[in-house]
Amino acid sequence: MKKFNENLFSHLTPKQRICLAFEAQARGDEAEYSRLTDTCPRKTYSGPDLMFRGSWDAITGFSLATECDLRGYALSWLMAIRAGETETAHDILGKMESVNKAWIDMLKEAGLSDKAIKAARPASHFVVETLLSMVPEGGDPDADTAKVFDKIREEIPIILKKGM
């Protein structure tokens, strides 16, 4: 029976393997998950420089995530205003500005110009833009936001390896 399983694993398509791997994880079957990953065919690739590709993908992904966060804050702001919680709404605007500033600072640290930062950002929702325009610029991101963006910096190769 073991030989059959090994033979089966060696002939899986990538789609079959990924589905089975997630199914194994959903069942908590680490042994099957390990067999699926260990028997996955190994390939050698030629492609764009890993420093470039990894940084591009990380910046793009984190930019999308930041925009999602800002939209979440915009929705929270609206709910606070509708509930008459003006102090909470004010705090939310501050958090939005803090996240936006930390994101921009991180991209500047990566070497992007203001124009390039705008290009790196996904299309921002007009409500997000309107709310950010209501907050005076300046100041540093709050401590919690700074900690999150410090961890994000660790995922962007060009920030980790200065001068590359």
N, C-alpha and C. Protein backbone atom coordinates (compact mmCIF):
# COMPACT_ATOMS: atom_id res chain seq x y z
N MET A 1 0.82 -1.20 0.00
CA MET A 1 0.00 0.00 0.00
C MET A 1 0.86 1.25 0.00
N LYS A 2 1.97 1.24 0.73
CA LYS A 2 2.84 2.41 0.79
C LYS A 2 3.40 2.73 -0.60
N LYS A 3 3.76 1.69 -1.37
CA LYS A 3 4.30 1.90 -2.70
C LYS A 3 3.26 2.58 -3.59
N PHE A 4 1.98 2.18 -3.44
CA PHE A 4 0.91 2.81 -4.20
C PHE A 4 0.82 4.30 -3.88
N ASN A 5 0.88 4.64 -2.59
CA ASN A 5 0.81 6.05 -2.19
C ASN A 5 1.97 6.85 -2.75
N GLU A 6 3.18 6.29 -2.68
CA GLU A 6 4.34 7.00 -3.23
C GLU A 6 4.17 7.21 -4.73
N ASN A 7 3.68 6.19 -5.42
CA ASN A 7 3.45 6.29 -6.86
C ASN A 7 2.37 7.34 -7.14
N LEU A 8 1.31 7.32 -6.35
CA LEU A 8 0.24 8.29 -6.51
C LEU A 8 0.76 9.71 -6.32
N PHE A 9 1.52 9.93 -5.25
CA PHE A 9 2.05 11.26 -4.97
C PHE A 9 2.96 11.76 -6.08
N SER A 10 3.71 10.88 -6.70
CA SER A 10 4.66 11.32 -7.73
C SER A 10 3.97 11.70 -9.04
N HIS A 11 2.69 11.35 -9.20
CA HIS A 11 1.99 11.64 -10.45
C HIS A 11 0.89 12.70 -10.30
N LEU A 12 0.85 13.36 -9.18
CA LEU A 12 -0.17 14.39 -8.98
C LEU A 12 0.13 15.62 -9.83
N THR A 13 -0.94 16.24 -10.34
CA THR A 13 -0.78 17.53 -11.01
C THR A 13 -0.60 18.59 -9.92
N PRO A 14 -0.06 19.76 -10.28
CA PRO A 14 0.07 20.82 -9.27
C PRO A 14 -1.28 21.17 -8.62
N LYS A 15 -2.34 21.21 -9.43
CA LYS A 15 -3.67 21.53 -8.88
C LYS A 15 -4.11 20.47 -7.88
N GLN A 16 -3.94 19.19 -8.23
CA GLN A 16 -4.31 18.12 -7.31
C GLN A 16 -3.49 18.20 -6.02
N ARG A 17 -2.20 18.47 -6.17
CA ARG A 17 -1.31 18.51 -5.01
C ARG A 17 -1.70 19.65 -4.07
N ILE A 18 -2.00 20.83 -4.62
CA ILE A 18 -2.35 21.97 -3.77
C ILE A 18 -3.68 21.71 -3.05
N CYS A 19 -4.65 21.13 -3.77
CA CYS A 19 -5.94 20.82 -3.13
C CYS A 19 -5.76 19.80 -2.02
N LEU A 20 -5.01 18.74 -2.29
CA LEU A 20 -4.79 17.71 -1.27
C LEU A 20 -4.00 18.26 -0.08
N ALA A 21 -3.05 19.16 -0.34
CA ALA A 21 -2.26 19.73 0.76
C ALA A 21 -3.15 20.57 1.68
N PHE A 22 -4.03 21.38 1.10
CA PHE A 22 -4.94 22.17 1.94
C PHE A 22 -5.94 21.27 2.67
N GLU A 23 -6.41 20.21 2.00
CA GLU A 23 -7.31 19.26 2.66
C GLU A 23 -6.61 18.59 3.84
N ALA A 24 -5.34 18.21 3.64
CA ALA A 24 -4.58 17.58 4.73
C ALA A 24 -4.43 18.54 5.90
N GLN A 25 -4.13 19.80 5.61
CA GLN A 25 -4.01 20.78 6.70
C GLN A 25 -5.34 21.00 7.39
N ALA A 26 -6.43 21.00 6.62
CA ALA A 26 -7.76 21.18 7.22
C ALA A 26 -8.09 20.04 8.17
N ARG A 27 -7.61 18.84 7.87
CA ARG A 27 -7.84 17.68 8.74
C ARG A 27 -6.83 17.61 9.87
N GLY A 28 -5.80 18.44 9.80
CA GLY A 28 -4.73 18.38 10.79
C GLY A 28 -3.78 17.21 10.54
N ASP A 29 -3.74 16.72 9.31
CA ASP A 29 -2.91 15.57 8.95
C ASP A 29 -1.54 16.07 8.46
N GLU A 30 -0.67 16.37 9.42
CA GLU A 30 0.66 16.89 9.08
C GLU A 30 1.51 15.88 8.33
N ALA A 31 1.30 14.58 8.61
CA ALA A 31 2.09 13.54 7.92
C ALA A 31 1.78 13.54 6.43
N GLU A 32 0.50 13.61 6.08
CA GLU A 32 0.15 13.64 4.65
C GLU A 32 0.61 14.95 4.02
N TYR A 33 0.45 16.05 4.74
CA TYR A 33 0.92 17.33 4.21
C TYR A 33 2.42 17.27 3.92
N SER A 34 3.18 16.71 4.85
CA SER A 34 4.64 16.58 4.65
C SER A 34 4.96 15.69 3.46
N ARG A 35 4.23 14.57 3.31
CA ARG A 35 4.47 13.70 2.16
C ARG A 35 4.18 14.43 0.86
N LEU A 36 3.11 15.21 0.84
CA LEU A 36 2.76 15.95 -0.37
C LEU A 36 3.84 16.97 -0.72
N THR A 37 4.36 17.68 0.27
CA THR A 37 5.40 18.68 -0.02
C THR A 37 6.74 18.01 -0.31
N ASP A 38 7.06 16.94 0.41
CA ASP A 38 8.35 16.26 0.21
C ASP A 38 8.43 15.56 -1.14
N THR A 39 7.30 15.10 -1.67
CA THR A 39 7.31 14.38 -2.95
C THR A 39 7.04 15.30 -4.13
N CYS A 40 6.86 16.59 -3.86
CA CYS A 40 6.62 17.54 -4.95
C CYS A 40 7.87 17.62 -5.82
N PRO A 41 7.69 17.53 -7.15
CA PRO A 41 8.86 17.60 -8.03
C PRO A 41 9.64 18.89 -7.81
N ARG A 42 10.95 18.80 -7.89
CA ARG A 42 11.83 19.95 -7.74
C ARG A 42 12.20 20.46 -9.13
N LYS A 43 12.18 21.76 -9.29
CA LYS A 43 12.49 22.40 -10.58
C LYS A 43 13.52 23.49 -10.36
N THR A 44 14.23 23.82 -11.41
CA THR A 44 15.16 24.94 -11.40
C THR A 44 14.58 26.00 -12.32
N TYR A 45 14.54 27.22 -11.84
CA TYR A 45 13.93 28.30 -12.59
C TYR A 45 14.95 29.36 -12.95
N SER A 46 14.65 30.05 -14.01
CA SER A 46 15.40 31.24 -14.38
C SER A 46 14.37 32.36 -14.44
N GLY A 47 14.64 33.44 -13.77
CA GLY A 47 13.67 34.52 -13.74
C GLY A 47 14.31 35.81 -13.29
N PRO A 48 13.47 36.81 -13.05
CA PRO A 48 13.99 38.10 -12.60
C PRO A 48 14.75 37.94 -11.29
N ASP A 49 15.68 38.83 -11.07
CA ASP A 49 16.46 38.86 -9.84
C ASP A 49 15.51 38.76 -8.64
N LEU A 50 15.85 37.88 -7.72
CA LEU A 50 14.99 37.64 -6.56
C LEU A 50 14.84 38.89 -5.68
N MET A 51 15.89 39.68 -5.57
CA MET A 51 15.82 40.91 -4.78
C MET A 51 14.78 41.85 -5.39
N PHE A 52 14.81 41.98 -6.73
CA PHE A 52 13.83 42.83 -7.42
C PHE A 52 12.43 42.25 -7.28
N ARG A 53 12.26 40.99 -7.67
CA ARG A 53 10.93 40.37 -7.70
C ARG A 53 10.32 40.30 -6.31
N GLY A 54 11.13 39.91 -5.33
CA GLY A 54 10.61 39.82 -3.97
C GLY A 54 10.19 41.18 -3.43
N SER A 55 10.99 42.20 -3.72
CA SER A 55 10.65 43.55 -3.26
C SER A 55 9.41 44.07 -3.97
N TRP A 56 9.34 43.85 -5.28
CA TRP A 56 8.18 44.30 -6.06
C TRP A 56 6.90 43.66 -5.52
N ASP A 57 6.95 42.34 -5.35
CA ASP A 57 5.77 41.62 -4.85
C ASP A 57 5.39 42.06 -3.44
N ALA A 58 6.39 42.26 -2.58
CA ALA A 58 6.11 42.68 -1.20
C ALA A 58 5.50 44.08 -1.18
N ILE A 59 6.08 45.01 -1.92
CA ILE A 59 5.55 46.38 -1.94
C ILE A 59 4.14 46.39 -2.50
N THR A 60 3.90 45.65 -3.57
CA THR A 60 2.56 45.60 -4.16
C THR A 60 1.56 45.00 -3.18
N GLY A 61 1.92 43.90 -2.56
CA GLY A 61 1.02 43.25 -1.60
C GLY A 61 0.73 44.11 -0.39
N PHE A 62 1.78 44.73 0.17
CA PHE A 62 1.57 45.57 1.35
C PHE A 62 0.81 46.84 1.00
N SER A 63 0.97 47.34 -0.21
CA SER A 63 0.21 48.51 -0.63
C SER A 63 -1.28 48.17 -0.72
N LEU A 64 -1.59 47.00 -1.26
CA LEU A 64 -3.00 46.56 -1.31
C LEU A 64 -3.56 46.39 0.09
N ALA A 65 -2.78 45.78 0.98
CA ALA A 65 -3.23 45.57 2.35
C ALA A 65 -3.44 46.90 3.07
N THR A 66 -2.56 47.86 2.84
CA THR A 66 -2.69 49.17 3.48
C THR A 66 -3.96 49.86 3.01
N GLU A 67 -4.24 49.79 1.71
CA GLU A 67 -5.47 50.40 1.20
C GLU A 67 -6.69 49.73 1.82
N CYS A 68 -6.66 48.42 1.99
CA CYS A 68 -7.77 47.72 2.65
C CYS A 68 -7.94 48.20 4.09
N ASP A 69 -6.82 48.36 4.79
CA ASP A 69 -6.88 48.87 6.17
C ASP A 69 -7.50 50.26 6.20
N LEU A 70 -7.07 51.11 5.28
CA LEU A 70 -7.60 52.48 5.25
C LEU A 70 -9.10 52.47 4.96
N ARG A 71 -9.54 51.59 4.09
CA ARG A 71 -10.98 51.50 3.80
C ARG A 71 -11.75 51.01 5.02
N GLY A 72 -11.14 50.09 5.77
CA GLY A 72 -11.78 49.63 7.01
C GLY A 72 -11.93 50.77 8.01
N TYR A 73 -10.88 51.58 8.13
CA TYR A 73 -10.96 52.74 9.02
C TYR A 73 -12.02 53.73 8.54
N ALA A 74 -12.14 53.90 7.22
CA ALA A 74 -13.15 54.81 6.67
C ALA A 74 -14.55 54.33 7.05
N LEU A 75 -14.77 53.04 6.97
CA LEU A 75 -16.07 52.49 7.35
C LEU A 75 -16.30 52.67 8.85
N SER A 76 -15.28 52.44 9.65
CA SER A 76 -15.40 52.64 11.11
C SER A 76 -15.69 54.10 11.43
N TRP A 77 -15.04 55.02 10.70
CA TRP A 77 -15.28 56.45 10.90
C TRP A 77 -16.75 56.77 10.63
N LEU A 78 -17.27 56.25 9.52
CA LEU A 78 -18.67 56.49 9.17
C LEU A 78 -19.61 55.97 10.25
N MET A 79 -19.33 54.78 10.74
CA MET A 79 -20.18 54.20 11.80
C MET A 79 -20.10 55.05 13.07
N ALA A 80 -18.92 55.53 13.40
CA ALA A 80 -18.77 56.37 14.60
C ALA A 80 -19.54 57.68 14.44
N ILE A 81 -19.45 58.29 13.27
CA ILE A 81 -20.18 59.55 13.02
C ILE A 81 -21.68 59.31 13.13
N ARG A 82 -22.15 58.23 12.51
CA ARG A 82 -23.59 57.92 12.54
C ARG A 82 -24.08 57.65 13.97
N ALA A 83 -23.19 57.12 14.80
CA ALA A 83 -23.55 56.83 16.20
C ALA A 83 -23.37 58.04 17.10
N GLY A 84 -22.90 59.16 16.54
CA GLY A 84 -22.69 60.36 17.34
C GLY A 84 -21.43 60.32 18.18
N GLU A 85 -20.54 59.41 17.87
CA GLU A 85 -19.29 59.24 18.62
C GLU A 85 -18.18 60.07 17.96
N THR A 86 -18.25 61.39 18.13
CA THR A 86 -17.30 62.25 17.43
C THR A 86 -15.86 62.06 17.91
N GLU A 87 -15.67 61.78 19.19
CA GLU A 87 -14.31 61.57 19.69
C GLU A 87 -13.71 60.30 19.07
N THR A 88 -14.52 59.25 19.00
CA THR A 88 -14.06 58.01 18.36
C THR A 88 -13.74 58.26 16.89
N ALA A 89 -14.61 59.01 16.22
CA ALA A 89 -14.39 59.33 14.80
C ALA A 89 -13.08 60.09 14.63
N HIS A 90 -12.81 61.02 15.54
CA HIS A 90 -11.56 61.79 15.49
C HIS A 90 -10.35 60.87 15.67
N ASP A 91 -10.45 59.93 16.62
CA ASP A 91 -9.36 58.97 16.85
C ASP A 91 -9.12 58.10 15.61
N ILE A 92 -10.20 57.72 14.95
CA ILE A 92 -10.08 56.89 13.75
C ILE A 92 -9.36 57.66 12.65
N LEU A 93 -9.68 58.94 12.49
CA LEU A 93 -8.97 59.75 11.49
C LEU A 93 -7.47 59.80 11.81
N GLY A 94 -7.14 59.92 13.08
CA GLY A 94 -5.72 59.93 13.47
C GLY A 94 -5.05 58.61 13.13
N LYS A 95 -5.75 57.51 13.35
CA LYS A 95 -5.20 56.19 13.03
C LYS A 95 -5.01 56.05 11.51
N MET A 96 -5.97 56.55 10.75
CA MET A 96 -5.84 56.51 9.28
C MET A 96 -4.60 57.26 8.84
N GLU A 97 -4.41 58.44 9.38
CA GLU A 97 -3.25 59.25 9.01
C GLU A 97 -1.96 58.55 9.43
N SER A 98 -1.97 57.92 10.59
CA SER A 98 -0.80 57.22 11.08
C SER A 98 -0.41 56.07 10.15
N VAL A 99 -1.39 55.28 9.74
CA VAL A 99 -1.13 54.16 8.82
C VAL A 99 -0.66 54.68 7.47
N ASN A 100 -1.33 55.69 6.96
CA ASN A 100 -0.96 56.26 5.66
C ASN A 100 0.47 56.81 5.70
N LYS A 101 0.81 57.51 6.77
CA LYS A 101 2.15 58.10 6.89
C LYS A 101 3.21 57.01 7.00
N ALA A 102 2.93 55.98 7.79
CA ALA A 102 3.89 54.88 7.94
C ALA A 102 4.13 54.19 6.60
N TRP A 103 3.08 54.01 5.83
CA TRP A 103 3.19 53.37 4.52
C TRP A 103 4.05 54.22 3.58
N ILE A 104 3.77 55.52 3.54
CA ILE A 104 4.54 56.43 2.68
C ILE A 104 6.00 56.47 3.13
N ASP A 105 6.24 56.57 4.44
CA ASP A 105 7.61 56.59 4.95
C ASP A 105 8.37 55.33 4.56
N MET A 106 7.70 54.18 4.65
CA MET A 106 8.35 52.92 4.30
C MET A 106 8.73 52.90 2.82
N LEU A 107 7.85 53.39 1.96
CA LEU A 107 8.15 53.40 0.52
C LEU A 107 9.25 54.40 0.19
N LYS A 108 9.30 55.51 0.93
CA LYS A 108 10.40 56.45 0.74
C LYS A 108 11.72 55.81 1.17
N GLU A 109 11.67 55.04 2.26
CA GLU A 109 12.86 54.34 2.73
C GLU A 109 13.34 53.33 1.68
N ALA A 110 12.40 52.76 0.93
CA ALA A 110 12.75 51.82 -0.14
C ALA A 110 13.33 52.56 -1.35
N GLY A 111 13.25 53.89 -1.34
CA GLY A 111 13.85 54.68 -2.41
C GLY A 111 12.87 55.22 -3.43
N LEU A 112 11.57 55.11 -3.19
CA LEU A 112 10.58 55.58 -4.15
C LEU A 112 10.35 57.08 -4.02
N SER A 113 10.16 57.74 -5.16
CA SER A 113 9.81 59.16 -5.18
C SER A 113 8.32 59.31 -4.88
N ASP A 114 7.88 60.55 -4.66
CA ASP A 114 6.46 60.78 -4.41
C ASP A 114 5.60 60.29 -5.57
N LYS A 115 6.07 60.53 -6.80
CA LYS A 115 5.33 60.09 -7.99
C LYS A 115 5.27 58.56 -8.05
N ALA A 116 6.37 57.90 -7.74
CA ALA A 116 6.41 56.44 -7.76
C ALA A 116 5.53 55.86 -6.65
N ILE A 117 5.50 56.53 -5.50
CA ILE A 117 4.65 56.07 -4.40
C ILE A 117 3.19 56.09 -4.83
N LYS A 118 2.80 57.15 -5.52
CA LYS A 118 1.43 57.24 -6.02
C LYS A 118 1.12 56.11 -6.99
N ALA A 119 2.11 55.75 -7.82
CA ALA A 119 1.92 54.65 -8.78
C ALA A 119 1.88 53.30 -8.08
N ALA A 120 2.58 53.17 -6.96
CA ALA A 120 2.61 51.90 -6.22
C ALA A 120 1.31 51.65 -5.48
N ARG A 121 0.59 52.71 -5.22
CA ARG A 121 -0.65 52.60 -4.45
C ARG A 121 -1.79 52.15 -5.36
N PRO A 122 -2.62 51.23 -4.90
CA PRO A 122 -3.79 50.88 -5.70
C PRO A 122 -4.74 52.07 -5.74
N ALA A 123 -5.68 52.04 -6.65
CA ALA A 123 -6.64 53.14 -6.74
C ALA A 123 -7.31 53.31 -5.38
N SER A 124 -7.10 54.47 -4.81
CA SER A 124 -7.64 54.75 -3.48
C SER A 124 -9.11 55.13 -3.59
N HIS A 125 -9.90 54.64 -2.67
CA HIS A 125 -11.32 54.98 -2.64
C HIS A 125 -11.48 56.46 -2.33
N PHE A 126 -12.44 57.10 -2.99
CA PHE A 126 -12.60 58.55 -2.79
C PHE A 126 -12.92 58.89 -1.34
N VAL A 127 -13.58 58.02 -0.61
CA VAL A 127 -13.87 58.29 0.80
C VAL A 127 -12.57 58.31 1.60
N VAL A 128 -11.67 57.38 1.29
CA VAL A 128 -10.37 57.35 1.96
C VAL A 128 -9.62 58.65 1.68
N GLU A 129 -9.58 59.05 0.42
CA GLU A 129 -8.89 60.30 0.05
C GLU A 129 -9.51 61.50 0.74
N THR A 130 -10.82 61.54 0.80
CA THR A 130 -11.51 62.66 1.44
C THR A 130 -11.19 62.72 2.93
N LEU A 131 -11.25 61.57 3.59
CA LEU A 131 -10.97 61.55 5.03
C LEU A 131 -9.52 61.90 5.32
N LEU A 132 -8.59 61.38 4.51
CA LEU A 132 -7.17 61.72 4.73
C LEU A 132 -6.92 63.20 4.50
N SER A 133 -7.67 63.81 3.60
CA SER A 133 -7.48 65.25 3.36
C SER A 133 -7.99 66.10 4.52
N MET A 134 -8.82 65.52 5.38
CA MET A 134 -9.36 66.24 6.53
C MET A 134 -8.38 66.30 7.70
N VAL A 135 -7.36 65.46 7.65
CA VAL A 135 -6.41 65.35 8.77
C VAL A 135 -5.16 66.16 8.44
N PRO A 136 -4.74 67.03 9.34
CA PRO A 136 -3.50 67.76 9.07
C PRO A 136 -2.32 66.80 9.01
N GLU A 137 -1.46 67.00 8.01
CA GLU A 137 -0.28 66.13 7.88
C GLU A 137 0.75 66.49 8.93
N GLY A 138 1.61 65.54 9.17
CA GLY A 138 2.70 65.80 10.11
C GLY A 138 2.71 64.77 11.22
N GLY A 139 3.76 64.83 11.97
CA GLY A 139 3.89 63.88 13.07
C GLY A 139 4.34 62.52 12.58
N ASP A 140 4.72 61.72 13.53
CA ASP A 140 5.16 60.36 13.21
C ASP A 140 4.02 59.40 13.46
N PRO A 141 4.08 58.23 12.81
CA PRO A 141 3.06 57.21 13.09
C PRO A 141 3.07 56.83 14.56
N ASP A 142 1.90 56.45 15.07
CA ASP A 142 1.82 56.05 16.48
C ASP A 142 2.64 54.78 16.70
N ALA A 143 2.90 54.47 17.96
CA ALA A 143 3.81 53.37 18.31
C ALA A 143 3.34 52.02 17.78
N ASP A 144 2.04 51.73 17.87
CA ASP A 144 1.52 50.45 17.38
C ASP A 144 1.71 50.32 15.87
N THR A 145 1.38 51.38 15.15
CA THR A 145 1.54 51.36 13.70
C THR A 145 3.01 51.23 13.33
N ALA A 146 3.87 51.93 14.04
CA ALA A 146 5.31 51.86 13.77
C ALA A 146 5.82 50.43 13.94
N LYS A 147 5.35 49.73 14.97
CA LYS A 147 5.77 48.33 15.19
C LYS A 147 5.34 47.44 14.04
N VAL A 148 4.11 47.62 13.57
CA VAL A 148 3.60 46.82 12.46
C VAL A 148 4.45 47.06 11.21
N PHE A 149 4.72 48.33 10.92
CA PHE A 149 5.49 48.63 9.72
C PHE A 149 6.95 48.24 9.85
N ASP A 150 7.48 48.17 11.07
CA ASP A 150 8.83 47.64 11.26
C ASP A 150 8.87 46.17 10.84
N LYS A 151 7.83 45.43 11.18
CA LYS A 151 7.76 44.01 10.77
C LYS A 151 7.60 43.90 9.26
N ILE A 152 6.81 44.79 8.68
CA ILE A 152 6.62 44.77 7.22
C ILE A 152 7.95 45.05 6.52
N ARG A 153 8.73 45.98 7.05
CA ARG A 153 10.04 46.30 6.45
C ARG A 153 10.92 45.05 6.34
N GLU A 154 10.78 44.15 7.31
CA GLU A 154 11.58 42.92 7.31
C GLU A 154 11.24 42.02 6.13
N GLU A 155 10.11 42.26 5.48
CA GLU A 155 9.68 41.43 4.36
C GLU A 155 10.05 42.02 3.00
N ILE A 156 10.65 43.19 3.00
CA ILE A 156 11.01 43.84 1.73
C ILE A 156 12.52 43.81 1.58
N PRO A 157 13.00 42.93 0.69
CA PRO A 157 14.45 42.73 0.56
C PRO A 157 15.26 44.00 0.33
N ILE A 158 14.78 44.93 -0.50
CA ILE A 158 15.60 46.11 -0.78
C ILE A 158 15.73 47.03 0.41
N ILE A 159 14.82 46.94 1.37
CA ILE A 159 14.96 47.74 2.59
C ILE A 159 15.95 47.07 3.53
N LEU A 160 15.93 45.75 3.59
CA LEU A 160 16.84 45.02 4.46
C LEU A 160 18.29 45.15 4.02
N LYS A 161 18.51 45.11 2.73
CA LYS A 161 19.87 45.15 2.17
C LYS A 161 20.10 46.53 1.59
N LYS A 162 20.45 47.46 2.42
CA LYS A 162 20.68 48.84 2.00
C LYS A 162 21.74 48.90 0.89
N GLY A 163 21.43 49.73 -0.09
CA GLY A 163 22.40 49.97 -1.16
C GLY A 163 22.38 48.93 -2.27
N MET A 164 21.49 47.98 -2.20
CA MET A 164 21.45 46.96 -3.26
C MET A 164 20.47 47.34 -4.33
